[in-house]
């Protein structure tokens, strides 16, 4: 039986386009796709973070994991190897580099991440935009401790890791009166919390903010969440690159939902 994700990926391959930006009429979106999507980043950033990933993949420590979201489809028990968490929960290099480029372009003055895991995506964003302060939220304390180890190894000082449930931490973020340039929502794959976190973040966003959601076609529930988010009244255009969905709030642009090959 063909899985839901396989069907959605085949649909994506069929309907996606504009890999190099050709055929896009919006100058802003053309520049985004032909530039930021294709930009190379400092190889030292990639080398540093990917060496840490390799270290974690070789880490056979077993830790107790508290899942506050939908949980992992690959790891069913609460006792998990660090190596397995790295393999199944960390953002791949390709998408870490995209997050880095987005952070470099849009991240200042603040970046917010829902779902630290072992800190791979947070490090990509923080290293690419050293002038921004990255707030990353993680529900599991044992995973948070390893992420802190990774931040220290990488020599990154512009990350603030907040440990606890997202619902408890969002009011704390709001109390700081942040105006984030980039928001990355991961760490929960259920429709209701994902759409709620998105709406909470829209409240503190402005026209320059970009919100990125991970695993938008991971399940029918996430697909429904993405469909609802695309139609939000403040969203001016969205970009679907299959794994991730990007939401923009730029003024003076007509609403459009792009599906772009990445």
Foldseek 3Di string as FASTA:
>chain_A
DDDLLNVLVVVLVVPAACQLLPPDPDPVVNCCRNPLLPDDDDVVLVVLLVVVLVVQLPFQDWDFWDAPAPDFPVDDHRTDGSNVLSVGPDDDPSVLSSLLSLLLVFFPAEEEEEACQLNSSVSSNCVSNVNYAYEYEHATPVRVVNSVVSCVSSVGDRYDYDYHDPVVCLVVVVVVLDEGREYEYDRHQAQVVVLVVVVSVVVSYDQNHKYKYFQCSVDVRSVVNVVVVLPPPQFQEWECQSGMIMTGRHPPHHYDYHSHHD
